[in-house]
Amino acid sequence: MKKKLLLAGILLTFCLACLFTIGLGAAEAEPTLSVDYVNLSFNDSVYIKYGVSAQNATQDNVCLLVWRKANTGSYAYGTQDETILPAYTDTIEGKQVHHL
């Protein structure tokens, strides 16, 4: 009986250690963005539409930063002239795509 309890305790400890390790690995995943689709149209102005797929990121974390002049320094967040948020999100070829 003691052997069964000891074995069950070791097995439970191993399972908890595995779950804890998997939980930490998921929390450290880095976000990845890619511009998968671009649409350019001309009317009285030029319109550019980007389709951006994001992995390990929410829609709140996806935006387009715009600078109106060339910057001799860095293009760091906070120095942009405008921030464009996604207009909508849909699925293209099985990927969730944010349209900017």
C-alpha atoms as a PDB file:
ATOM      1  CA  MET A   1       0.000   0.000   0.000  1.00  0.00           C
ATOM      2  CA  LYS A   2       2.874   2.363   0.841  1.00  0.00           C
ATOM      3  CA  LYS A   3       4.487   1.657  -2.538  1.00  0.00           C
ATOM      4  CA  LYS A   4       1.262   2.592  -4.346  1.00  0.00           C
ATOM      5  CA  LEU A   5       0.971   5.853  -2.375  1.00  0.00           C
ATOM      6  CA  LEU A   6       4.620   6.672  -3.004  1.00  0.00           C
ATOM      7  CA  LEU A   7       4.234   5.923  -6.729  1.00  0.00           C
ATOM      8  CA  ALA A   8       1.053   8.035  -6.913  1.00  0.00           C
ATOM      9  CA  GLY A   9       2.839  10.910  -5.145  1.00  0.00           C
ATOM     10  CA  ILE A  10       5.801  10.749  -7.530  1.00  0.00           C
ATOM     11  CA  LEU A  11       3.463  10.593 -10.524  1.00  0.00           C
ATOM     12  CA  LEU A  12       1.440  13.575  -9.240  1.00  0.00           C
ATOM     13  CA  THR A  13       4.623  15.573  -8.643  1.00  0.00           C
ATOM     14  CA  PHE A  14       5.851  14.774 -12.159  1.00  0.00           C
ATOM     15  CA  CYS A  15       2.510  15.806 -13.708  1.00  0.00           C
ATOM     16  CA  LEU A  16       2.466  19.103 -11.782  1.00  0.00           C
ATOM     17  CA  ALA A  17       6.050  19.826 -12.826  1.00  0.00           C
ATOM     18  CA  CYS A  18       5.145  19.199 -16.485  1.00  0.00           C
ATOM     19  CA  LEU A  19       2.073  21.442 -16.295  1.00  0.00           C
ATOM     20  CA  PHE A  20       4.084  24.211 -14.631  1.00  0.00           C
ATOM     21  CA  THR A  21       6.789  23.994 -17.312  1.00  0.00           C
ATOM     22  CA  ILE A  22       4.236  24.072 -20.148  1.00  0.00           C
ATOM     23  CA  GLY A  23       2.526  27.081 -18.539  1.00  0.00           C
ATOM     24  CA  LEU A  24       5.806  28.994 -18.364  1.00  0.00           C
ATOM     25  CA  GLY A  25       6.677  28.155 -21.964  1.00  0.00           C
ATOM     26  CA  ALA A  26       3.362  29.521 -23.222  1.00  0.00           C
ATOM     27  CA  ALA A  27       3.806  32.779 -21.322  1.00  0.00           C
ATOM     28  CA  GLU A  28       7.177  33.465 -22.974  1.00  0.00           C
ATOM     29  CA  ALA A  29       6.003  33.189 -26.604  1.00  0.00           C
ATOM     30  CA  GLU A  30       7.035  36.239 -28.607  1.00  0.00           C
ATOM     31  CA  PRO A  31       4.548  38.008 -30.871  1.00  0.00           C
ATOM     32  CA  THR A  32       5.134  37.646 -34.606  1.00  0.00           C
ATOM     33  CA  LEU A  33       3.620  39.945 -37.231  1.00  0.00           C
ATOM     34  CA  SER A  34       3.737  39.585 -41.003  1.00  0.00           C
ATOM     35  CA  VAL A  35       2.262  41.679 -43.816  1.00  0.00           C
ATOM     36  CA  ASP A  36       0.597  39.004 -45.921  1.00  0.00           C
ATOM     37  CA  TYR A  37      -1.692  41.069 -48.152  1.00  0.00           C
ATOM     38  CA  VAL A  38      -1.456  44.525 -49.723  1.00  0.00           C
ATOM     39  CA  ASN A  39      -4.058  46.294 -51.821  1.00  0.00           C
ATOM     40  CA  LEU A  40      -3.313  49.535 -53.685  1.00  0.00           C
ATOM     41  CA  SER A  41      -6.109  51.510 -55.320  1.00  0.00           C
ATOM     42  CA  PHE A  42      -6.298  54.881 -57.031  1.00  0.00           C
ATOM     43  CA  ASN A  43      -9.261  57.181 -56.968  1.00  0.00           C
ATOM     44  CA  ASP A  44      -8.956  60.885 -56.235  1.00  0.00           C
ATOM     45  CA  SER A  45      -6.277  59.763 -53.762  1.00  0.00           C
ATOM     46  CA  VAL A  46      -4.033  56.752 -53.285  1.00  0.00           C
ATOM     47  CA  TYR A  47      -5.334  54.104 -50.869  1.00  0.00           C
ATOM     48  CA  ILE A  48      -3.135  51.380 -49.410  1.00  0.00           C
ATOM     49  CA  LYS A  49      -4.642  48.570 -47.375  1.00  0.00           C
ATOM     50  CA  TYR A  50      -2.457  46.107 -45.451  1.00  0.00           C
ATOM     51  CA  GLY A  51      -3.494  42.666 -44.241  1.00  0.00           C
ATOM     52  CA  VAL A  52      -1.390  41.746 -41.213  1.00  0.00           C
ATOM     53  CA  SER A  53      -1.436  38.335 -39.564  1.00  0.00           C
ATOM     54  CA  ALA A  54      -0.378  38.160 -35.935  1.00  0.00           C
ATOM     55  CA  GLN A  55       0.688  35.239 -33.794  1.00  0.00           C
ATOM     56  CA  ASN A  56       0.816  35.524 -29.997  1.00  0.00           C
ATOM     57  CA  ALA A  57      -0.649  39.048 -30.190  1.00  0.00           C
ATOM     58  CA  THR A  58      -4.118  40.492 -29.736  1.00  0.00           C
ATOM     59  CA  GLN A  59      -5.812  42.995 -32.021  1.00  0.00           C
ATOM     60  CA  ASP A  60      -5.028  45.695 -29.438  1.00  0.00           C
ATOM     61  CA  ASN A  61      -1.308  45.095 -30.035  1.00  0.00           C
ATOM     62  CA  VAL A  62      -1.489  45.500 -33.840  1.00  0.00           C
ATOM     63  CA  CYS A  63      -1.190  49.019 -35.266  1.00  0.00           C
ATOM     64  CA  LEU A  64       0.562  50.942 -38.033  1.00  0.00           C
ATOM     65  CA  LEU A  65       2.911  53.740 -36.969  1.00  0.00           C
ATOM     66  CA  VAL A  66       3.249  56.641 -39.441  1.00  0.00           C
ATOM     67  CA  TRP A  67       6.049  59.188 -39.694  1.00  0.00           C
ATOM     68  CA  ARG A  68       5.480  62.110 -42.099  1.00  0.00           C
ATOM     69  CA  LYS A  69       9.168  62.997 -42.484  1.00  0.00           C
ATOM     70  CA  ALA A  70      12.336  60.954 -42.689  1.00  0.00           C
ATOM     71  CA  ASN A  71      13.810  60.485 -39.258  1.00  0.00           C
ATOM     72  CA  THR A  72      17.591  60.638 -38.863  1.00  0.00           C
ATOM     73  CA  GLY A  73      17.312  59.033 -35.438  1.00  0.00           C
ATOM     74  CA  SER A  74      15.408  55.888 -34.622  1.00  0.00           C
ATOM     75  CA  TYR A  75      11.831  55.144 -35.489  1.00  0.00           C
ATOM     76  CA  ALA A  76      10.996  54.349 -31.880  1.00  0.00           C
ATOM     77  CA  TYR A  77       7.469  53.969 -30.566  1.00  0.00           C
ATOM     78  CA  GLY A  78       6.233  57.311 -29.289  1.00  0.00           C
ATOM     79  CA  THR A  79       7.977  59.397 -31.971  1.00  0.00           C
ATOM     80  CA  GLN A  80       5.386  58.626 -34.680  1.00  0.00           C
ATOM     81  CA  ASP A  81       3.102  61.297 -36.136  1.00  0.00           C
ATOM     82  CA  GLU A  82       0.066  59.028 -36.301  1.00  0.00           C
ATOM     83  CA  THR A  83      -1.100  55.596 -35.150  1.00  0.00           C
ATOM     84  CA  ILE A  84      -3.540  53.636 -37.318  1.00  0.00           C
ATOM     85  CA  LEU A  85      -5.553  50.857 -35.666  1.00  0.00           C
ATOM     86  CA  PRO A  86      -7.044  47.888 -37.558  1.00  0.00           C
ATOM     87  CA  ALA A  87     -10.386  48.679 -39.209  1.00  0.00           C
ATOM     88  CA  TYR A  88     -11.574  45.077 -38.988  1.00  0.00           C
ATOM     89  CA  THR A  89     -10.371  41.482 -38.697  1.00  0.00           C
ATOM     90  CA  ASP A  90     -11.311  38.501 -40.869  1.00  0.00           C
ATOM     91  CA  THR A  91      -9.979  35.099 -41.896  1.00  0.00           C
ATOM     92  CA  ILE A  92      -8.105  34.625 -45.195  1.00  0.00           C
ATOM     93  CA  GLU A  93      -6.723  31.211 -46.152  1.00  0.00           C
ATOM     94  CA  GLY A  94      -7.192  29.995 -42.584  1.00  0.00           C
ATOM     95  CA  LYS A  95      -5.268  32.909 -41.018  1.00  0.00           C
ATOM     96  CA  GLN A  96      -6.756  35.643 -38.881  1.00  0.00           C
ATOM     97  CA  VAL A  97      -5.843  38.895 -40.670  1.00  0.00           C
ATOM     98  CA  HIS A  98      -6.060  42.443 -39.279  1.00  0.00           C
ATOM     99  CA  HIS A  99      -6.811  45.072 -41.942  1.00  0.00           C
ATOM    100  CA  LEU A 100      -5.027  48.394 -41.552  1.00  0.00           C
END
